[in-house]
Amino acid sequence: MFKKKFFYYISVADKYTVERTTGADHKIKTKAFLKALQFISNYTKVSMDKVLNYEIGYPSYEIFEIDKSKWIMWYDSNKCNNIK
């Protein structure tokens, strides 16, 4: 259950960032993006300073990828601690 929810929120943040950095149609709302980051930040670091300084969103997909890789590393290191 936790894994599904954690990776769902990563996918929301990913899609939002892709939409904003490529100019694609915006299907993911800012509210959903911030909710995803809030959930993720309950467990691991989110670079909110970068997100909020760029009018709510990552300035580039590359910067998002750095956070995303840290989130996945955190999950891999802690997954057994989150089984319920």
Protein backbone atom coordinates (compact mmCIF):
# COMPACT_ATOMS: atom_id res chain seq x y z
CA MET A 1 0.00 0.00 0.00
CA PHE A 2 2.70 2.50 0.98
CA LYS A 3 4.78 1.69 -2.09
CA LYS A 4 1.85 2.26 -4.43
CA LYS A 5 0.99 5.59 -2.82
CA PHE A 6 4.61 6.78 -2.66
CA PHE A 7 5.28 6.03 -6.32
CA TYR A 8 1.89 7.44 -7.36
CA TYR A 9 2.86 10.79 -5.86
CA ILE A 10 6.25 10.64 -7.56
CA SER A 11 4.46 10.09 -10.87
CA VAL A 12 2.18 13.10 -10.22
CA ALA A 13 5.21 15.32 -9.55
CA ASP A 14 6.96 13.88 -12.61
CA LYS A 15 4.04 14.54 -14.96
CA TYR A 16 3.52 18.05 -13.58
CA THR A 17 7.21 18.85 -14.09
CA VAL A 18 7.22 17.46 -17.63
CA GLU A 19 4.15 19.52 -18.49
CA ARG A 20 5.70 22.72 -17.14
CA THR A 21 9.20 22.24 -18.56
CA THR A 22 8.14 21.12 -22.05
CA GLY A 23 5.17 23.41 -22.58
CA ALA A 24 2.77 20.46 -22.86
CA ASP A 25 -0.91 20.84 -21.99
CA HIS A 26 -1.29 21.23 -18.24
CA LYS A 27 -3.39 18.31 -17.02
CA ILE A 28 -1.93 18.05 -13.52
CA LYS A 29 -3.07 20.90 -11.31
CA THR A 30 -0.69 22.81 -9.04
CA LYS A 31 -2.72 21.70 -6.03
CA ALA A 32 -2.16 18.02 -6.90
CA PHE A 33 1.55 18.67 -7.44
CA LEU A 34 1.92 20.36 -4.05
CA LYS A 35 -0.06 17.57 -2.38
CA ALA A 36 2.33 15.04 -3.92
CA LEU A 37 5.38 16.94 -2.71
CA GLN A 38 3.85 17.31 0.76
CA PHE A 39 3.33 13.55 1.00
CA ILE A 40 6.84 12.78 -0.23
CA SER A 41 8.35 15.36 2.14
CA ASN A 42 6.84 13.47 5.09
CA TYR A 43 9.44 10.79 4.39
CA THR A 44 12.35 12.28 2.46
CA LYS A 45 13.79 15.63 1.40
CA VAL A 46 12.04 17.70 -1.24
CA SER A 47 13.81 20.78 -2.62
CA MET A 48 10.88 23.07 -1.88
CA ASP A 49 13.15 26.12 -2.10
CA LYS A 50 13.74 25.36 -5.79
CA VAL A 51 10.08 24.58 -6.42
CA LEU A 52 8.70 27.70 -4.78
CA ASN A 53 11.33 30.02 -6.23
CA TYR A 54 10.26 29.00 -9.71
CA GLU A 55 6.61 29.97 -9.45
CA ILE A 56 5.68 26.55 -8.07
CA GLY A 57 7.50 23.97 -10.11
CA TYR A 58 11.00 22.77 -10.77
CA PRO A 59 13.06 25.11 -13.00
CA SER A 60 14.12 22.15 -15.16
CA TYR A 61 13.45 18.47 -15.50
CA GLU A 62 17.08 17.76 -14.64
CA ILE A 63 16.70 19.36 -11.23
CA PHE A 64 13.53 17.36 -10.64
CA GLU A 65 15.41 14.17 -11.60
CA ILE A 66 17.96 14.85 -8.83
CA ASP A 67 15.18 14.96 -6.23
CA LYS A 68 13.42 11.98 -7.79
CA SER A 69 16.56 9.84 -7.64
CA LYS A 70 16.96 10.74 -3.93
CA TRP A 71 13.34 9.77 -3.25
CA ILE A 72 13.80 6.40 -4.91
CA MET A 73 17.07 5.81 -3.05
CA TRP A 74 15.28 6.68 0.20
CA TYR A 75 12.52 4.21 -0.63
CA ASP A 76 14.99 1.46 -1.48
CA SER A 77 16.79 2.04 1.83
CA ASN A 78 13.63 2.23 3.95
CA LYS A 79 10.98 0.12 2.25
CA CYS A 80 10.99 -2.56 4.94
CA ASN A 81 10.34 0.10 7.59
CA ASN A 82 7.13 1.22 5.88
CA ILE A 83 5.32 -2.08 5.45
CA LYS A 84 1.97 -2.00 7.21
